[in-house]
C-alpha cells in the first residue's frame, strides 16, 4: 500500500510562484514513475509533468520552462516548483505514482491564480 500526501497549493496573483510537494509513504522502494496531473473545472485530468527513476522527464507544452519537476529518491518525495503562474494554470493538482504494477493518487491540492 502506498499513501501520497500533497502540499503547497494556495492562492497567488499572476506572475507569482508556488512549490508543490508530494511525499510517498508505506512499503515503497525505488518508485518507478512519479508525476503531477491537474484537473480544471469542466476539463479532463491532464499530465503536467512526469519524472521516472531513470529516463527523460516529460512536460506538458504549457508548462515547459516554468515547472522544473524534481524528486528525492531517498525520501520518496517529488517537487513541482511553479514559476510565473498565469490564469491558465489554476486547477486541482494531483500527485501520482506507479509502483508495483499499480497507480496511486493523492487527494489533490488546489492552485488558484487570480488578480
Protein backbone atom coordinates (compact mmCIF):
# COMPACT_ATOMS: atom_id res chain seq x y z
CA UNK A 1 0.00 0.00 0.00
CA UNK A 2 1.20 3.49 -0.89
CA UNK A 3 -0.10 6.73 0.58
CA UNK A 4 0.54 10.09 -1.08
CA UNK A 5 0.32 13.48 0.61
CA UNK A 6 0.47 16.70 -1.42
CA UNK A 7 1.16 20.15 -0.04
CA UNK A 8 1.97 23.65 -1.24
CA UNK A 9 -1.16 24.75 -3.07
CA UNK A 10 -2.79 28.10 -2.49
CA UNK A 11 -3.95 31.38 -3.97
CA UNK A 12 -1.50 33.62 -5.83
CA UNK A 13 -1.58 36.51 -8.27
CA UNK A 14 -0.40 36.13 -11.87
CA UNK A 15 3.39 36.06 -12.10
CA UNK A 16 3.90 34.71 -8.59
CA UNK A 17 5.21 31.25 -7.72
CA UNK A 18 4.36 28.19 -5.64
CA UNK A 19 6.09 24.89 -4.95
CA UNK A 20 4.13 21.68 -4.63
CA UNK A 21 5.46 18.66 -2.73
CA UNK A 22 4.34 15.04 -2.73
CA UNK A 23 5.57 12.57 -0.12
CA UNK A 24 5.03 8.84 -0.58
CA UNK A 25 4.83 6.56 2.44
CA UNK A 26 4.19 2.90 3.10
CA UNK A 27 6.08 -0.05 1.67
CA UNK A 28 7.76 1.95 -1.07
CA UNK A 29 11.12 1.12 -2.61
CA UNK A 30 12.55 2.83 -5.68
CA UNK A 31 9.31 4.15 -7.17
CA UNK A 32 9.39 3.73 -10.93
CA UNK A 33 7.46 6.83 -12.02
CA UNK A 34 6.14 9.86 -10.17
CA UNK A 35 4.12 12.59 -11.81
CA UNK A 36 1.83 15.57 -11.40
CA UNK A 37 -1.58 15.83 -13.03
CA UNK A 38 -4.10 18.64 -12.91
CA UNK A 39 -7.81 18.98 -13.49
CA UNK A 40 -9.58 22.28 -14.05
CA UNK A 41 -13.37 22.64 -13.74
CA UNK A 42 -15.11 21.02 -16.70
CA UNK A 43 -11.83 19.64 -18.06
CA UNK A 44 -10.19 16.24 -18.27
CA UNK A 45 -7.36 15.39 -15.94
CA UNK A 46 -4.10 16.01 -17.79
CA UNK A 47 -0.45 15.22 -17.23
CA UNK A 48 1.58 18.24 -16.14
CA UNK A 49 4.98 16.61 -15.66
CA UNK A 50 6.34 13.12 -15.07
CA UNK A 51 9.71 12.05 -13.71
CA UNK A 52 10.91 8.44 -13.87
CA UNK A 53 13.56 6.83 -11.69
CA UNK A 54 15.61 6.54 -14.86
CA UNK A 55 14.92 8.22 -18.16
CA UNK A 56 13.66 11.50 -19.51
CA UNK A 57 11.33 13.93 -17.79
CA UNK A 58 8.12 14.72 -19.65
CA UNK A 59 6.26 18.03 -19.57
CA UNK A 60 3.05 19.41 -20.92
CA UNK A 61 3.85 22.07 -23.53
CA UNK A 62 2.11 24.73 -21.47
CA UNK A 63 4.50 24.35 -18.50
CA UNK A 64 7.84 23.71 -20.20
CA UNK A 65 10.47 26.05 -18.81
CA UNK A 66 8.26 27.10 -15.88
CA UNK A 67 7.66 23.97 -13.77
CA UNK A 68 11.01 22.18 -13.20
CA UNK A 69 9.89 18.89 -11.64
CA UNK A 70 12.37 17.06 -9.39
CA UNK A 71 12.45 14.15 -6.96
CA UNK A 72 14.46 12.97 -3.98
CA UNK A 73 14.77 9.19 -4.33
CA UNK A 74 15.94 8.64 -0.76
CA UNK A 75 12.90 10.47 0.66
CA UNK A 76 10.37 9.24 -1.93
CA UNK A 77 9.38 12.86 -2.36
CA UNK A 78 8.60 14.82 -5.53
CA UNK A 79 8.59 18.58 -6.03
CA UNK A 80 6.94 20.83 -8.58
CA UNK A 81 8.14 24.44 -8.48
CA UNK A 82 5.59 26.50 -10.37
CA UNK A 83 7.04 29.77 -11.62
CA UNK A 84 5.34 32.64 -13.43
CA UNK A 85 1.86 31.32 -12.73
CA UNK A 86 -0.84 32.53 -15.09
CA UNK A 87 -4.65 32.36 -15.21
CA UNK A 88 -4.36 29.22 -17.37
CA UNK A 89 -2.78 27.25 -14.51
CA UNK A 90 -5.50 27.10 -11.80
CA UNK A 91 -6.68 23.55 -11.13
CA UNK A 92 -6.60 20.79 -8.57
CA UNK A 93 -3.15 19.23 -8.80
CA UNK A 94 -2.77 15.51 -8.09
CA UNK A 95 0.31 13.51 -7.25
CA UNK A 96 0.57 10.13 -8.97
CA UNK A 97 2.96 7.22 -8.60
CA UNK A 98 3.30 3.97 -10.49
CA UNK A 99 4.72 1.28 -8.25
CA UNK A 100 4.46 -2.47 -8.01
CA UNK A 101 2.21 -2.61 -11.05
CA UNK A 102 -0.35 -0.16 -9.61
CA UNK A 103 -1.26 3.51 -9.91
CA UNK A 104 -1.69 5.52 -6.71
CA UNK A 105 -3.20 9.00 -6.37
CA UNK A 106 -3.03 11.73 -3.77
CA UNK A 107 -6.05 13.67 -2.56
CA UNK A 108 -5.21 16.75 -4.63
CA UNK A 109 -4.20 20.28 -3.74
CA UNK A 110 -5.91 23.41 -5.08
CA UNK A 111 -3.96 26.03 -7.00
CA UNK A 112 -5.77 29.30 -7.70
CA UNK A 113 -4.38 32.19 -9.77
CA UNK A 114 -6.31 35.43 -9.62
CA UNK A 115 -5.66 39.15 -9.82
